[in-house]
Amino acid sequence: MIGRLNHVGIATPSIEESQALYRDLFGANEITPRTAIPEQGVWVSFVNLPNAQIELIEPYGDASPLHAFLAKTPKGGQHHVCFEVPDILAARDEMRDKGAAVLGTGEPRMGAHGVPVIFLHPKGTGGVLVELMQEPAADH
């Protein structure tokens, strides 16, 4: 069911500092500007790699869900992994049927790539927060 790894989400207290790290330490030369996604309570920036992306995520606003993560990990760190799926609703239903907990209402919401996404609770996925995203149409 899962397709390719789309990105690894990295929570950070400062996207600008993380952009500099990936640029200066690792030599990344394709990094998108910081963009707000208020409905998810995050700022995002993508480090484009040949085979996937790194999504840098920083809290946006006081209600951001990232504040709790950064309270436990103040310098930031790996937040989630994201896999593409051909049909987000079928993937959600299959995950539920197999006993995985879908976060929130379970209804897909629009993700940073402009396609529907859901998140699976780490308790049923080996301790890793997993994001499933509808395969972007441009890739297929």
C-alpha atoms as a PDB file:
ATOM      1  CA  MET A   1       0.000   0.000   0.000  1.00  0.00           C
ATOM      2  CA  ILE A   2       2.623   2.603   0.927  1.00  0.00           C
ATOM      3  CA  GLY A   3       4.523   4.189  -1.870  1.00  0.00           C
ATOM      4  CA  ARG A   4       7.687   6.173  -1.854  1.00  0.00           C
ATOM      5  CA  LEU A   5       9.073   8.084   1.090  1.00  0.00           C
ATOM      6  CA  ASN A   6       8.082  11.682   0.415  1.00  0.00           C
ATOM      7  CA  HIS A   7       9.774  13.439   3.321  1.00  0.00           C
ATOM      8  CA  VAL A   8      11.086  13.292   6.850  1.00  0.00           C
ATOM      9  CA  GLY A   9       9.662  16.005   9.104  1.00  0.00           C
ATOM     10  CA  ILE A  10      12.121  17.762  11.388  1.00  0.00           C
ATOM     11  CA  ALA A  11      10.720  19.974  14.147  1.00  0.00           C
ATOM     12  CA  THR A  12      12.856  23.015  14.867  1.00  0.00           C
ATOM     13  CA  PRO A  13      12.617  26.108  17.029  1.00  0.00           C
ATOM     14  CA  SER A  14      14.077  28.122  14.101  1.00  0.00           C
ATOM     15  CA  ILE A  15      13.640  27.284  10.431  1.00  0.00           C
ATOM     16  CA  GLU A  16      16.243  29.905   9.535  1.00  0.00           C
ATOM     17  CA  GLU A  17      18.881  28.212  11.702  1.00  0.00           C
ATOM     18  CA  SER A  18      17.934  24.798  10.329  1.00  0.00           C
ATOM     19  CA  GLN A  19      18.101  26.072   6.748  1.00  0.00           C
ATOM     20  CA  ALA A  20      21.617  27.349   7.454  1.00  0.00           C
ATOM     21  CA  LEU A  21      22.598  23.977   8.925  1.00  0.00           C
ATOM     22  CA  TYR A  22      21.423  22.024   5.883  1.00  0.00           C
ATOM     23  CA  ARG A  23      22.962  24.578   3.510  1.00  0.00           C
ATOM     24  CA  ASP A  24      26.298  25.133   5.279  1.00  0.00           C
ATOM     25  CA  LEU A  25      26.982  21.742   6.870  1.00  0.00           C
ATOM     26  CA  PHE A  26      25.401  19.389   4.343  1.00  0.00           C
ATOM     27  CA  GLY A  27      25.682  21.478   1.182  1.00  0.00           C
ATOM     28  CA  ALA A  28      21.963  21.533   0.356  1.00  0.00           C
ATOM     29  CA  ASN A  29      21.370  24.122  -2.336  1.00  0.00           C
ATOM     30  CA  GLU A  30      17.633  23.714  -2.936  1.00  0.00           C
ATOM     31  CA  ILE A  31      15.761  24.997   0.112  1.00  0.00           C
ATOM     32  CA  THR A  32      12.322  26.572  -0.193  1.00  0.00           C
ATOM     33  CA  PRO A  33      11.432  29.786   1.635  1.00  0.00           C
ATOM     34  CA  ARG A  34       9.652  29.574   4.994  1.00  0.00           C
ATOM     35  CA  THR A  35       5.879  29.443   4.429  1.00  0.00           C
ATOM     36  CA  ALA A  36       3.083  29.696   6.997  1.00  0.00           C
ATOM     37  CA  ILE A  37       0.354  27.068   7.229  1.00  0.00           C
ATOM     38  CA  PRO A  38      -1.810  28.682   9.923  1.00  0.00           C
ATOM     39  CA  GLU A  39      -4.531  26.001   9.875  1.00  0.00           C
ATOM     40  CA  GLN A  40      -1.904  23.439  10.973  1.00  0.00           C
ATOM     41  CA  GLY A  41      -0.080  25.824  13.307  1.00  0.00           C
ATOM     42  CA  VAL A  42       3.258  25.517  11.524  1.00  0.00           C
ATOM     43  CA  TRP A  43       5.800  27.261   9.355  1.00  0.00           C
ATOM     44  CA  VAL A  44       7.392  24.939   6.783  1.00  0.00           C
ATOM     45  CA  SER A  45      10.402  24.892   4.506  1.00  0.00           C
ATOM     46  CA  PHE A  46      11.555  22.010   2.335  1.00  0.00           C
ATOM     47  CA  VAL A  47      15.115  20.875   1.740  1.00  0.00           C
ATOM     48  CA  ASN A  48      14.952  19.252  -1.689  1.00  0.00           C
ATOM     49  CA  LEU A  49      17.070  16.141  -2.102  1.00  0.00           C
ATOM     50  CA  PRO A  50      17.488  13.905  -5.169  1.00  0.00           C
ATOM     51  CA  ASN A  51      15.267  11.161  -3.718  1.00  0.00           C
ATOM     52  CA  ALA A  52      12.990  12.868  -1.139  1.00  0.00           C
ATOM     53  CA  GLN A  53      12.630  16.021   0.956  1.00  0.00           C
ATOM     54  CA  ILE A  54      13.307  17.113   4.493  1.00  0.00           C
ATOM     55  CA  GLU A  55      10.418  19.161   5.847  1.00  0.00           C
ATOM     56  CA  LEU A  56      11.546  21.726   8.403  1.00  0.00           C
ATOM     57  CA  ILE A  57       8.633  22.630  10.675  1.00  0.00           C
ATOM     58  CA  GLU A  58       8.491  25.428  13.234  1.00  0.00           C
ATOM     59  CA  PRO A  59       5.569  26.403  15.490  1.00  0.00           C
ATOM     60  CA  TYR A  60       3.203  29.061  14.158  1.00  0.00           C
ATOM     61  CA  GLY A  61       1.129  30.699  16.860  1.00  0.00           C
ATOM     62  CA  ASP A  62       0.500  29.784  20.480  1.00  0.00           C
ATOM     63  CA  ALA A  63      -1.788  26.845  19.654  1.00  0.00           C
ATOM     64  CA  SER A  64       0.760  25.039  17.483  1.00  0.00           C
ATOM     65  CA  PRO A  65       0.960  21.289  18.207  1.00  0.00           C
ATOM     66  CA  LEU A  66       4.743  21.568  17.837  1.00  0.00           C
ATOM     67  CA  HIS A  67       5.104  23.422  21.147  1.00  0.00           C
ATOM     68  CA  ALA A  68       4.586  20.166  23.074  1.00  0.00           C
ATOM     69  CA  PHE A  69       7.183  18.371  20.950  1.00  0.00           C
ATOM     70  CA  LEU A  70       9.733  21.163  21.381  1.00  0.00           C
ATOM     71  CA  ALA A  71       9.057  21.295  25.136  1.00  0.00           C
ATOM     72  CA  LYS A  72      10.365  17.711  25.300  1.00  0.00           C
ATOM     73  CA  THR A  73      13.058  18.217  22.655  1.00  0.00           C
ATOM     74  CA  PRO A  74      14.031  21.921  22.833  1.00  0.00           C
ATOM     75  CA  LYS A  75      16.635  21.794  20.056  1.00  0.00           C
ATOM     76  CA  GLY A  76      14.227  19.978  17.751  1.00  0.00           C
ATOM     77  CA  GLY A  77      14.536  16.630  16.039  1.00  0.00           C
ATOM     78  CA  GLN A  78      12.803  14.068  13.880  1.00  0.00           C
ATOM     79  CA  HIS A  79       9.068  14.614  14.127  1.00  0.00           C
ATOM     80  CA  HIS A  80       7.550  12.266  11.510  1.00  0.00           C
ATOM     81  CA  VAL A  81       8.049  10.317   8.313  1.00  0.00           C
ATOM     82  CA  CYS A  82       5.723  10.731   5.351  1.00  0.00           C
ATOM     83  CA  PHE A  83       4.830   8.087   2.802  1.00  0.00           C
ATOM     84  CA  GLU A  84       2.784   8.523  -0.353  1.00  0.00           C
ATOM     85  CA  VAL A  85      -0.341   6.423  -0.915  1.00  0.00           C
ATOM     86  CA  PRO A  86      -2.432   6.167  -4.079  1.00  0.00           C
ATOM     87  CA  ASP A  87      -5.760   6.673  -2.268  1.00  0.00           C
ATOM     88  CA  ILE A  88      -5.772   8.486   1.087  1.00  0.00           C
ATOM     89  CA  LEU A  89      -9.288   7.331   2.068  1.00  0.00           C
ATOM     90  CA  ALA A  90      -8.562   3.688   1.240  1.00  0.00           C
ATOM     91  CA  ALA A  91      -5.273   3.963   3.176  1.00  0.00           C
ATOM     92  CA  ARG A  92      -7.077   5.459   6.183  1.00  0.00           C
ATOM     93  CA  ASP A  93      -9.674   2.710   6.176  1.00  0.00           C
ATOM     94  CA  GLU A  94      -7.036  -0.006   5.790  1.00  0.00           C
ATOM     95  CA  MET A  95      -5.002   1.431   8.664  1.00  0.00           C
ATOM     96  CA  ARG A  96      -8.092   1.505  10.898  1.00  0.00           C
ATOM     97  CA  ASP A  97      -8.998  -2.053   9.906  1.00  0.00           C
ATOM     98  CA  LYS A  98      -5.490  -3.136  10.930  1.00  0.00           C
ATOM     99  CA  GLY A  99      -5.825  -1.404  14.314  1.00  0.00           C
ATOM    100  CA  ALA A 100      -3.785   1.762  13.729  1.00  0.00           C
ATOM    101  CA  ALA A 101      -5.048   4.937  15.402  1.00  0.00           C
ATOM    102  CA  VAL A 102      -5.661   7.782  12.977  1.00  0.00           C
ATOM    103  CA  LEU A 103      -5.157  11.121  14.706  1.00  0.00           C
ATOM    104  CA  GLY A 104      -7.820  13.812  14.870  1.00  0.00           C
ATOM    105  CA  THR A 105     -11.187  13.098  13.312  1.00  0.00           C
ATOM    106  CA  GLY A 106      -9.649  10.796  10.729  1.00  0.00           C
ATOM    107  CA  GLU A 107     -10.825  13.045   7.943  1.00  0.00           C
ATOM    108  CA  PRO A 108      -7.910  13.984   5.691  1.00  0.00           C
ATOM    109  CA  ARG A 109      -6.772  17.579   5.804  1.00  0.00           C
ATOM    110  CA  MET A 110      -4.781  19.542   3.272  1.00  0.00           C
ATOM    111  CA  GLY A 111      -1.050  19.111   3.797  1.00  0.00           C
ATOM    112  CA  ALA A 112       1.912  21.323   2.918  1.00  0.00           C
ATOM    113  CA  HIS A 113       2.129  19.789  -0.571  1.00  0.00           C
ATOM    114  CA  GLY A 114      -1.468  20.728  -1.350  1.00  0.00           C
ATOM    115  CA  VAL A 115      -2.761  17.148  -1.151  1.00  0.00           C
ATOM    116  CA  PRO A 116      -4.808  15.370   1.553  1.00  0.00           C
ATOM    117  CA  VAL A 117      -2.913  13.872   4.507  1.00  0.00           C
ATOM    118  CA  ILE A 118      -3.584  11.888   7.667  1.00  0.00           C
ATOM    119  CA  PHE A 119      -1.367  11.079  10.640  1.00  0.00           C
ATOM    120  CA  LEU A 120      -1.079   7.754  12.458  1.00  0.00           C
ATOM    121  CA  HIS A 121      -0.435   7.671  16.198  1.00  0.00           C
ATOM    122  CA  PRO A 122       3.066   6.425  17.098  1.00  0.00           C
ATOM    123  CA  LYS A 123       1.696   3.867  19.586  1.00  0.00           C
ATOM    124  CA  GLY A 124       0.664   1.644  16.678  1.00  0.00           C
ATOM    125  CA  THR A 125       3.503   2.381  14.289  1.00  0.00           C
ATOM    126  CA  GLY A 126       6.610   1.345  16.180  1.00  0.00           C
ATOM    127  CA  GLY A 127       6.955   4.629  18.044  1.00  0.00           C
ATOM    128  CA  VAL A 128       7.104   6.751  14.874  1.00  0.00           C
ATOM    129  CA  LEU A 129       4.563   9.419  13.963  1.00  0.00           C
ATOM    130  CA  VAL A 130       3.612   8.502  10.390  1.00  0.00           C
ATOM    131  CA  GLU A 131       2.041  10.861   7.878  1.00  0.00           C
ATOM    132  CA  LEU A 132       0.313   9.374   4.852  1.00  0.00           C
ATOM    133  CA  MET A 133      -0.250  11.698   1.916  1.00  0.00           C
ATOM    134  CA  GLN A 134      -2.179  11.314  -1.301  1.00  0.00           C
ATOM    135  CA  GLU A 135       0.281  10.873  -4.168  1.00  0.00           C
ATOM    136  CA  PRO A 136       0.763  14.232  -5.875  1.00  0.00           C
ATOM    137  CA  ALA A 137      -0.840  14.208  -9.325  1.00  0.00           C
ATOM    138  CA  ALA A 138       2.237  15.789 -10.962  1.00  0.00           C
ATOM    139  CA  ASP A 139       4.363  12.761  -9.990  1.00  0.00           C
ATOM    140  CA  HIS A 140       2.159  10.289 -11.855  1.00  0.00           C
END
